[in-house]
Amino acid sequence: MTRQRRYLAGIGAVLVIGLALFAVVDRTALFGGGHGRVVDALIARNTAARGGAEAWNSLTSLRLTGQMDIGQGLHVPYVLEQKRPDKMCLEFFFNNEKAVQCVDGDSGWKRLPFMGRRKPEPMTQSELYELADATSIDGLLFNSAQRGYDVDLVGKEMINGRPAVKLQVTLPGDVRRWVYLDEESGLDIKRETTRILRGEERLVQTWYYDWEETDGVLIPRRQETQTEGENETHFLTVDRVLGNPQIDDAKFQMPGGGGASS
């Protein structure tokens, strides 16, 4: 139960929606020419592959539902809702009690009954950083410059026997993520982030599978996540995608006010 609670407390780290490229990246194009031009080209291909700027800009809100593996063979249904700008709310039931993690664009709050926290309370700054790339509908690469993200080309690596391009994305607050783009398919095959567990920084790796199109945009329907030092790999499925659902802004706000500043 201790491991299960540790995993649940950071479940927001699992909810990271993958990004895609449009075409195979030629090695000469990758390492020749200006660094900035290469990154811009990768982002442009990413946007086209995921359905194009018009399709993504037409989304003002998004709702994902599916199943989430919380460890020890337990699976729970979840609902993830996102709304512009940078609002996010994750809800799931465990032991017949609803857990909630929300960010309203400026601050975050949580209610985690399985940890004995049955009243809403502000997120810590560290928890907000862990959810930083789950709050936006657009993901990490689309409109990254306008959102103040810095994207840098790290190089190339082999991931599960496949060549991939590695990008580093630096969010405000010096929060960093690493995205691996499969050269052959043009899709994300892996993302890395870090979390603090038991006072130590741990690497968290997420793999993406089963990309499908809904209403003109592509979203991976399965994620598998493993944290450094843990033997278990946890999955998350996206069974339904709903674009532009009506979501009241009040849903993202902490009852009674408060919340940690983002």
C-alpha atoms as a PDB file:
ATOM      1  CA  MET A   1       0.000   0.000   0.000  1.00  0.00           C
ATOM      2  CA  THR A   2       2.919   2.392   0.651  1.00  0.00           C
ATOM      3  CA  ARG A   3       4.199   2.104  -2.914  1.00  0.00           C
ATOM      4  CA  GLN A   4       0.665   2.475  -4.247  1.00  0.00           C
ATOM      5  CA  ARG A   5       0.164   5.702  -2.298  1.00  0.00           C
ATOM      6  CA  ARG A   6       3.495   7.083  -3.484  1.00  0.00           C
ATOM      7  CA  TYR A   7       2.474   6.439  -7.063  1.00  0.00           C
ATOM      8  CA  LEU A   8      -0.998   7.918  -6.655  1.00  0.00           C
ATOM      9  CA  ALA A   9       0.394  11.075  -5.065  1.00  0.00           C
ATOM     10  CA  GLY A  10       2.294  11.814  -8.249  1.00  0.00           C
ATOM     11  CA  ILE A  11      -0.185  10.416 -10.753  1.00  0.00           C
ATOM     12  CA  GLY A  12      -0.290  13.726 -12.545  1.00  0.00           C
ATOM     13  CA  ALA A  13       3.161  12.935 -13.914  1.00  0.00           C
ATOM     14  CA  VAL A  14       1.589  10.125 -15.935  1.00  0.00           C
ATOM     15  CA  LEU A  15      -0.836  12.432 -17.632  1.00  0.00           C
ATOM     16  CA  VAL A  16       1.280  13.841 -20.182  1.00  0.00           C
ATOM     17  CA  ILE A  17      -0.164  13.952 -23.739  1.00  0.00           C
ATOM     18  CA  GLY A  18       2.350  13.090 -26.483  1.00  0.00           C
ATOM     19  CA  LEU A  19       3.400  15.148 -29.538  1.00  0.00           C
ATOM     20  CA  ALA A  20       4.144  14.113 -33.146  1.00  0.00           C
ATOM     21  CA  LEU A  21       6.350  14.943 -36.142  1.00  0.00           C
ATOM     22  CA  PHE A  22       5.256  14.926 -39.773  1.00  0.00           C
ATOM     23  CA  ALA A  23       8.114  13.320 -41.677  1.00  0.00           C
ATOM     24  CA  VAL A  24      11.369  11.371 -41.356  1.00  0.00           C
ATOM     25  CA  VAL A  25      14.183  13.658 -40.208  1.00  0.00           C
ATOM     26  CA  ASP A  26      17.223  13.448 -42.457  1.00  0.00           C
ATOM     27  CA  ARG A  27      20.547  13.317 -40.599  1.00  0.00           C
ATOM     28  CA  THR A  28      22.084  16.054 -42.770  1.00  0.00           C
ATOM     29  CA  ALA A  29      19.123  18.338 -42.172  1.00  0.00           C
ATOM     30  CA  LEU A  30      19.279  17.574 -38.465  1.00  0.00           C
ATOM     31  CA  PHE A  31      22.889  18.445 -37.809  1.00  0.00           C
ATOM     32  CA  GLY A  32      23.584  20.767 -40.738  1.00  0.00           C
ATOM     33  CA  GLY A  33      22.391  24.366 -40.960  1.00  0.00           C
ATOM     34  CA  GLY A  34      21.232  26.668 -38.216  1.00  0.00           C
ATOM     35  CA  HIS A  35      20.167  25.161 -34.926  1.00  0.00           C
ATOM     36  CA  GLY A  36      17.167  27.448 -34.616  1.00  0.00           C
ATOM     37  CA  ARG A  37      15.946  26.678 -38.129  1.00  0.00           C
ATOM     38  CA  VAL A  38      16.107  22.931 -37.441  1.00  0.00           C
ATOM     39  CA  VAL A  39      14.087  23.279 -34.240  1.00  0.00           C
ATOM     40  CA  ASP A  40      11.529  25.488 -35.988  1.00  0.00           C
ATOM     41  CA  ALA A  41      11.194  22.913 -38.766  1.00  0.00           C
ATOM     42  CA  LEU A  42      10.656  20.106 -36.260  1.00  0.00           C
ATOM     43  CA  ILE A  43       7.950  22.083 -34.486  1.00  0.00           C
ATOM     44  CA  ALA A  44       6.268  22.935 -37.795  1.00  0.00           C
ATOM     45  CA  ARG A  45       6.229  19.257 -38.802  1.00  0.00           C
ATOM     46  CA  ASN A  46       4.906  18.379 -35.369  1.00  0.00           C
ATOM     47  CA  THR A  47       2.031  20.788 -35.785  1.00  0.00           C
ATOM     48  CA  ALA A  48       1.135  19.406 -39.222  1.00  0.00           C
ATOM     49  CA  ALA A  49       1.287  15.790 -38.037  1.00  0.00           C
ATOM     50  CA  ARG A  50      -1.024  16.392 -35.102  1.00  0.00           C
ATOM     51  CA  GLY A  51      -3.682  17.871 -37.348  1.00  0.00           C
ATOM     52  CA  GLY A  52      -2.412  21.363 -38.057  1.00  0.00           C
ATOM     53  CA  ALA A  53      -2.538  24.707 -36.273  1.00  0.00           C
ATOM     54  CA  GLU A  54      -6.127  25.415 -37.302  1.00  0.00           C
ATOM     55  CA  ALA A  55      -7.421  22.160 -35.790  1.00  0.00           C
ATOM     56  CA  TRP A  56      -5.625  22.682 -32.481  1.00  0.00           C
ATOM     57  CA  ASN A  57      -6.443  26.380 -32.245  1.00  0.00           C
ATOM     58  CA  SER A  58     -10.119  25.513 -32.716  1.00  0.00           C
ATOM     59  CA  LEU A  59     -10.026  23.585 -29.425  1.00  0.00           C
ATOM     60  CA  THR A  60     -10.941  25.741 -26.454  1.00  0.00           C
ATOM     61  CA  SER A  61     -11.406  22.741 -24.143  1.00  0.00           C
ATOM     62  CA  LEU A  62     -10.713  19.003 -24.151  1.00  0.00           C
ATOM     63  CA  ARG A  63     -11.961  16.020 -22.144  1.00  0.00           C
ATOM     64  CA  LEU A  64     -10.155  12.648 -22.022  1.00  0.00           C
ATOM     65  CA  THR A  65     -11.553   9.588 -20.267  1.00  0.00           C
ATOM     66  CA  GLY A  66     -10.071   6.131 -19.793  1.00  0.00           C
ATOM     67  CA  GLN A  67      -8.429   3.742 -17.363  1.00  0.00           C
ATOM     68  CA  MET A  68      -5.415   4.380 -15.152  1.00  0.00           C
ATOM     69  CA  ASP A  69      -3.152   1.768 -13.565  1.00  0.00           C
ATOM     70  CA  ILE A  70      -2.389   2.785  -9.978  1.00  0.00           C
ATOM     71  CA  GLY A  71      -0.230  -0.197  -9.058  1.00  0.00           C
ATOM     72  CA  GLN A  72      -0.662  -3.649  -7.519  1.00  0.00           C
ATOM     73  CA  GLY A  73      -3.021  -4.653 -10.320  1.00  0.00           C
ATOM     74  CA  LEU A  74      -5.554  -1.920  -9.542  1.00  0.00           C
ATOM     75  CA  HIS A  75      -7.128   0.047 -12.407  1.00  0.00           C
ATOM     76  CA  VAL A  76      -9.423   3.051 -11.942  1.00  0.00           C
ATOM     77  CA  PRO A  77     -11.417   5.215 -14.369  1.00  0.00           C
ATOM     78  CA  TYR A  78     -10.302   8.822 -14.701  1.00  0.00           C
ATOM     79  CA  VAL A  79     -11.454  12.047 -16.330  1.00  0.00           C
ATOM     80  CA  LEU A  80      -8.922  14.663 -17.473  1.00  0.00           C
ATOM     81  CA  GLU A  81     -10.278  18.054 -18.530  1.00  0.00           C
ATOM     82  CA  GLN A  82      -8.269  20.919 -19.996  1.00  0.00           C
ATOM     83  CA  LYS A  83      -9.318  24.427 -20.949  1.00  0.00           C
ATOM     84  CA  ARG A  84      -7.522  27.448 -22.285  1.00  0.00           C
ATOM     85  CA  PRO A  85      -5.507  29.088 -20.931  1.00  0.00           C
ATOM     86  CA  ASP A  86      -3.612  26.410 -18.964  1.00  0.00           C
ATOM     87  CA  LYS A  87      -6.494  25.045 -16.904  1.00  0.00           C
ATOM     88  CA  MET A  88      -6.511  21.344 -15.998  1.00  0.00           C
ATOM     89  CA  CYS A  89      -8.463  19.046 -13.709  1.00  0.00           C
ATOM     90  CA  LEU A  90      -7.892  15.319 -13.101  1.00  0.00           C
ATOM     91  CA  GLU A  91     -10.500  13.272 -11.244  1.00  0.00           C
ATOM     92  CA  PHE A  92     -10.547   9.589 -10.361  1.00  0.00           C
ATOM     93  CA  PHE A  93     -12.235   7.364  -7.785  1.00  0.00           C
ATOM     94  CA  PHE A  94     -10.320   5.156  -5.370  1.00  0.00           C
ATOM     95  CA  ASN A  95     -12.008   3.222  -2.543  1.00  0.00           C
ATOM     96  CA  ASN A  96     -15.279   4.945  -3.498  1.00  0.00           C
ATOM     97  CA  GLU A  97     -13.811   8.378  -2.824  1.00  0.00           C
ATOM     98  CA  LYS A  98     -13.027  10.986  -5.480  1.00  0.00           C
ATOM     99  CA  ALA A  99      -9.472  12.291  -5.770  1.00  0.00           C
ATOM    100  CA  VAL A 100      -8.928  15.625  -7.500  1.00  0.00           C
ATOM    101  CA  GLN A 101      -5.926  17.530  -8.833  1.00  0.00           C
ATOM    102  CA  CYS A 102      -6.632  20.886 -10.509  1.00  0.00           C
ATOM    103  CA  VAL A 103      -4.744  23.885 -11.877  1.00  0.00           C
ATOM    104  CA  ASP A 104      -6.690  27.057 -12.695  1.00  0.00           C
ATOM    105  CA  GLY A 105      -3.980  28.742 -14.767  1.00  0.00           C
ATOM    106  CA  ASP A 106      -2.449  30.631 -11.835  1.00  0.00           C
ATOM    107  CA  SER A 107      -2.492  28.166  -8.949  1.00  0.00           C
ATOM    108  CA  GLY A 108      -3.185  24.529  -8.114  1.00  0.00           C
ATOM    109  CA  TRP A 109      -5.071  22.516  -5.523  1.00  0.00           C
ATOM    110  CA  LYS A 110      -5.763  18.885  -4.640  1.00  0.00           C
ATOM    111  CA  ARG A 111      -8.023  16.608  -2.625  1.00  0.00           C
ATOM    112  CA  LEU A 112      -6.515  13.167  -1.974  1.00  0.00           C
ATOM    113  CA  PRO A 113      -8.749  11.065   0.317  1.00  0.00           C
ATOM    114  CA  PHE A 114      -6.597   7.953  -0.057  1.00  0.00           C
ATOM    115  CA  MET A 115      -3.823   9.888   1.706  1.00  0.00           C
ATOM    116  CA  GLY A 116      -6.145  11.147   4.433  1.00  0.00           C
ATOM    117  CA  ARG A 117      -6.531  14.560   2.764  1.00  0.00           C
ATOM    118  CA  ARG A 118     -10.287  14.862   2.396  1.00  0.00           C
ATOM    119  CA  LYS A 119     -10.394  18.651   2.295  1.00  0.00           C
ATOM    120  CA  PRO A 120      -9.093  20.756  -0.613  1.00  0.00           C
ATOM    121  CA  GLU A 121      -5.586  22.088  -0.044  1.00  0.00           C
ATOM    122  CA  PRO A 122      -3.086  24.055  -2.154  1.00  0.00           C
ATOM    123  CA  MET A 123      -0.521  22.248  -4.252  1.00  0.00           C
ATOM    124  CA  THR A 124       3.120  22.738  -3.415  1.00  0.00           C
ATOM    125  CA  GLN A 125       5.358  24.474  -5.918  1.00  0.00           C
ATOM    126  CA  SER A 126       6.995  21.116  -6.645  1.00  0.00           C
ATOM    127  CA  GLU A 127       3.630  19.526  -7.439  1.00  0.00           C
ATOM    128  CA  LEU A 128       2.809  22.377  -9.804  1.00  0.00           C
ATOM    129  CA  TYR A 129       6.100  21.857 -11.615  1.00  0.00           C
ATOM    130  CA  GLU A 130       5.331  18.153 -12.029  1.00  0.00           C
ATOM    131  CA  LEU A 131       2.027  19.045 -13.716  1.00  0.00           C
ATOM    132  CA  ALA A 132       3.437  21.908 -15.772  1.00  0.00           C
ATOM    133  CA  ASP A 133       3.219  20.046 -19.083  1.00  0.00           C
ATOM    134  CA  ALA A 134      -0.215  18.522 -18.406  1.00  0.00           C
ATOM    135  CA  THR A 135      -2.121  21.789 -18.090  1.00  0.00           C
ATOM    136  CA  SER A 136      -2.027  22.912 -21.721  1.00  0.00           C
ATOM    137  CA  ILE A 137      -4.212  21.486 -24.476  1.00  0.00           C
ATOM    138  CA  ASP A 138      -1.422  22.161 -26.970  1.00  0.00           C
ATOM    139  CA  GLY A 139       1.217  19.916 -25.412  1.00  0.00           C
ATOM    140  CA  LEU A 140       4.860  20.981 -25.332  1.00  0.00           C
ATOM    141  CA  LEU A 141       5.838  21.936 -28.875  1.00  0.00           C
ATOM    142  CA  PHE A 142       2.877  23.643 -30.557  1.00  0.00           C
ATOM    143  CA  ASN A 143       2.991  27.422 -29.973  1.00  0.00           C
ATOM    144  CA  SER A 144       5.939  26.829 -27.629  1.00  0.00           C
ATOM    145  CA  ALA A 145       7.659  30.142 -28.367  1.00  0.00           C
ATOM    146  CA  GLN A 146       4.480  32.139 -27.741  1.00  0.00           C
ATOM    147  CA  ARG A 147       4.119  30.404 -24.364  1.00  0.00           C
ATOM    148  CA  GLY A 148       7.683  31.190 -23.331  1.00  0.00           C
ATOM    149  CA  TYR A 149       9.061  27.673 -23.804  1.00  0.00           C
ATOM    150  CA  ASP A 150      12.639  27.186 -25.027  1.00  0.00           C
ATOM    151  CA  VAL A 151      13.129  24.174 -27.318  1.00  0.00           C
ATOM    152  CA  ASP A 152      16.668  22.909 -27.954  1.00  0.00           C
ATOM    153  CA  LEU A 153      17.981  20.096 -30.103  1.00  0.00           C
ATOM    154  CA  VAL A 154      20.000  17.656 -27.982  1.00  0.00           C
ATOM    155  CA  GLY A 155      20.909  15.063 -30.616  1.00  0.00           C
ATOM    156  CA  LYS A 156      19.957  11.573 -31.715  1.00  0.00           C
ATOM    157  CA  GLU A 157      19.567   8.365 -29.723  1.00  0.00           C
ATOM    158  CA  MET A 158      18.346   4.819 -30.247  1.00  0.00           C
ATOM    159  CA  ILE A 159      15.095   4.135 -28.380  1.00  0.00           C
ATOM    160  CA  ASN A 160      13.954   0.499 -28.347  1.00  0.00           C
ATOM    161  CA  GLY A 161      16.108  -0.142 -31.399  1.00  0.00           C
ATOM    162  CA  ARG A 162      14.732   2.843 -33.331  1.00  0.00           C
ATOM    163  CA  PRO A 163      16.556   6.111 -34.173  1.00  0.00           C
ATOM    164  CA  ALA A 164      15.000   9.128 -32.498  1.00  0.00           C
ATOM    165  CA  VAL A 165      15.591  12.869 -32.288  1.00  0.00           C
ATOM    166  CA  LYS A 166      15.895  14.222 -28.744  1.00  0.00           C
ATOM    167  CA  LEU A 167      14.586  17.683 -27.865  1.00  0.00           C
ATOM    168  CA  GLN A 168      14.847  19.516 -24.554  1.00  0.00           C
ATOM    169  CA  VAL A 169      11.906  21.759 -23.666  1.00  0.00           C
ATOM    170  CA  THR A 170      12.483  24.315 -20.892  1.00  0.00           C
ATOM    171  CA  LEU A 171       9.303  25.730 -19.367  1.00  0.00           C
ATOM    172  CA  PRO A 172       9.030  28.886 -17.224  1.00  0.00           C
ATOM    173  CA  GLY A 173      10.614  28.295 -13.832  1.00  0.00           C
ATOM    174  CA  ASP A 174      13.434  26.285 -15.478  1.00  0.00           C
ATOM    175  CA  VAL A 175      11.217  23.175 -15.580  1.00  0.00           C
ATOM    176  CA  ARG A 176      12.699  20.777 -18.148  1.00  0.00           C
ATOM    177  CA  ARG A 177      11.260  17.964 -20.237  1.00  0.00           C
ATOM    178  CA  TRP A 178      12.860  15.777 -22.915  1.00  0.00           C
ATOM    179  CA  VAL A 179      10.948  14.565 -25.960  1.00  0.00           C
ATOM    180  CA  TYR A 180      12.096  11.737 -28.262  1.00  0.00           C
ATOM    181  CA  LEU A 181      10.720  11.806 -31.805  1.00  0.00           C
ATOM    182  CA  ASP A 182      10.773   8.616 -33.862  1.00  0.00           C
ATOM    183  CA  GLU A 183      12.368   9.300 -37.235  1.00  0.00           C
ATOM    184  CA  GLU A 184      10.491   6.665 -39.202  1.00  0.00           C
ATOM    185  CA  SER A 185       6.947   7.270 -37.938  1.00  0.00           C
ATOM    186  CA  GLY A 186       7.363  10.930 -37.047  1.00  0.00           C
ATOM    187  CA  LEU A 187       5.623  10.367 -33.692  1.00  0.00           C
ATOM    188  CA  ASP A 188       6.748  10.746 -30.101  1.00  0.00           C
ATOM    189  CA  ILE A 189       7.968   7.458 -28.738  1.00  0.00           C
ATOM    190  CA  LYS A 190       9.198   8.658 -25.359  1.00  0.00           C
ATOM    191  CA  ARG A 191       9.245  11.564 -22.925  1.00  0.00           C
ATOM    192  CA  GLU A 192      11.381  12.100 -19.839  1.00  0.00           C
ATOM    193  CA  THR A 193      10.950  14.259 -16.790  1.00  0.00           C
ATOM    194  CA  THR A 194      12.207  14.263 -13.200  1.00  0.00           C
ATOM    195  CA  ARG A 195      10.428  14.073  -9.842  1.00  0.00           C
ATOM    196  CA  ILE A 196      11.526  14.289  -6.224  1.00  0.00           C
ATOM    197  CA  LEU A 197      10.728  11.044  -4.378  1.00  0.00           C
ATOM    198  CA  ARG A 198      11.830  10.474  -0.795  1.00  0.00           C
ATOM    199  CA  GLY A 199      14.160  13.442  -1.078  1.00  0.00           C
ATOM    200  CA  GLU A 200      15.883  12.218  -4.247  1.00  0.00           C
ATOM    201  CA  GLU A 201      15.481  13.304  -7.854  1.00  0.00           C
ATOM    202  CA  ARG A 202      14.224  10.409  -9.986  1.00  0.00           C
ATOM    203  CA  LEU A 203      13.933  10.071 -13.756  1.00  0.00           C
ATOM    204  CA  VAL A 204      10.405   9.366 -15.033  1.00  0.00           C
ATOM    205  CA  GLN A 205      10.081   7.851 -18.512  1.00  0.00           C
ATOM    206  CA  THR A 206       6.845   7.657 -20.504  1.00  0.00           C
ATOM    207  CA  TRP A 207       6.333   5.760 -23.775  1.00  0.00           C
ATOM    208  CA  TYR A 208       3.492   6.507 -26.227  1.00  0.00           C
ATOM    209  CA  TYR A 209       1.504   4.053 -28.361  1.00  0.00           C
ATOM    210  CA  ASP A 210      -1.634   3.718 -30.505  1.00  0.00           C
ATOM    211  CA  TRP A 211      -1.943   7.173 -31.991  1.00  0.00           C
ATOM    212  CA  GLU A 212      -5.448   7.863 -33.320  1.00  0.00           C
ATOM    213  CA  GLU A 213      -7.219  10.820 -34.900  1.00  0.00           C
ATOM    214  CA  THR A 214     -10.350  12.373 -33.414  1.00  0.00           C
ATOM    215  CA  ASP A 215     -11.966  15.498 -34.896  1.00  0.00           C
ATOM    216  CA  GLY A 216      -8.828  16.264 -36.862  1.00  0.00           C
ATOM    217  CA  VAL A 217      -6.273  15.994 -34.032  1.00  0.00           C
ATOM    218  CA  LEU A 218      -3.990  13.072 -33.122  1.00  0.00           C
ATOM    219  CA  ILE A 219      -3.686  11.798 -29.538  1.00  0.00           C
ATOM    220  CA  PRO A 220      -1.887   8.648 -28.272  1.00  0.00           C
ATOM    221  CA  ARG A 221      -4.379   6.209 -26.783  1.00  0.00           C
ATOM    222  CA  ARG A 222      -1.921   4.416 -24.495  1.00  0.00           C
ATOM    223  CA  GLN A 223       0.940   5.560 -22.262  1.00  0.00           C
ATOM    224  CA  GLU A 224       3.309   3.462 -20.178  1.00  0.00           C
ATOM    225  CA  THR A 225       5.313   5.133 -17.424  1.00  0.00           C
ATOM    226  CA  GLN A 226       8.188   3.927 -15.259  1.00  0.00           C
ATOM    227  CA  THR A 227       9.953   5.791 -12.458  1.00  0.00           C
ATOM    228  CA  GLU A 228      13.650   5.257 -11.780  1.00  0.00           C
ATOM    229  CA  GLY A 229      14.126   2.826  -8.906  1.00  0.00           C
ATOM    230  CA  GLU A 230      10.712   1.179  -9.412  1.00  0.00           C
ATOM    231  CA  ASN A 231      10.245  -2.170 -11.136  1.00  0.00           C
ATOM    232  CA  GLU A 232       6.605  -1.606 -12.096  1.00  0.00           C
ATOM    233  CA  THR A 233       5.486   0.048 -15.309  1.00  0.00           C
ATOM    234  CA  HIS A 234       2.110   1.793 -15.105  1.00  0.00           C
ATOM    235  CA  PHE A 235      -0.249   2.346 -18.017  1.00  0.00           C
ATOM    236  CA  LEU A 236      -2.888   4.900 -18.891  1.00  0.00           C
ATOM    237  CA  THR A 237      -5.411   4.523 -21.700  1.00  0.00           C
ATOM    238  CA  VAL A 238      -7.455   7.172 -23.485  1.00  0.00           C
ATOM    239  CA  ASP A 239     -10.744   5.512 -24.391  1.00  0.00           C
ATOM    240  CA  ARG A 240     -12.680   8.634 -25.405  1.00  0.00           C
ATOM    241  CA  VAL A 241     -11.739  12.106 -26.629  1.00  0.00           C
ATOM    242  CA  LEU A 242     -14.255  14.971 -26.603  1.00  0.00           C
ATOM    243  CA  GLY A 243     -13.374  18.316 -28.129  1.00  0.00           C
ATOM    244  CA  ASN A 244     -14.824  21.605 -26.884  1.00  0.00           C
ATOM    245  CA  PRO A 245     -17.005  20.342 -24.016  1.00  0.00           C
ATOM    246  CA  GLN A 246     -18.673  23.020 -21.903  1.00  0.00           C
ATOM    247  CA  ILE A 247     -16.602  23.380 -18.699  1.00  0.00           C
ATOM    248  CA  ASP A 248     -17.227  26.135 -16.168  1.00  0.00           C
ATOM    249  CA  ASP A 249     -14.087  27.973 -15.037  1.00  0.00           C
ATOM    250  CA  ALA A 250     -15.195  27.483 -11.435  1.00  0.00           C
ATOM    251  CA  LYS A 251     -14.398  23.783 -11.716  1.00  0.00           C
ATOM    252  CA  PHE A 252     -10.663  24.517 -11.790  1.00  0.00           C
ATOM    253  CA  GLN A 253     -10.687  26.877  -8.822  1.00  0.00           C
ATOM    254  CA  MET A 254     -10.002  25.711  -5.295  1.00  0.00           C
ATOM    255  CA  PRO A 255     -13.165  25.688  -3.156  1.00  0.00           C
ATOM    256  CA  GLY A 256     -12.849  28.511  -0.645  1.00  0.00           C
ATOM    257  CA  GLY A 257      -9.947  30.110  -2.550  1.00  0.00           C
ATOM    258  CA  GLY A 258      -6.227  29.577  -2.111  1.00  0.00           C
ATOM    259  CA  GLY A 259      -3.834  27.471  -4.137  1.00  0.00           C
ATOM    260  CA  ALA A 260      -0.125  27.584  -4.853  1.00  0.00           C
ATOM    261  CA  SER A 261       1.050  30.135  -7.405  1.00  0.00           C
ATOM    262  CA  SER A 262       2.234  28.589 -10.675  1.00  0.00           C
END
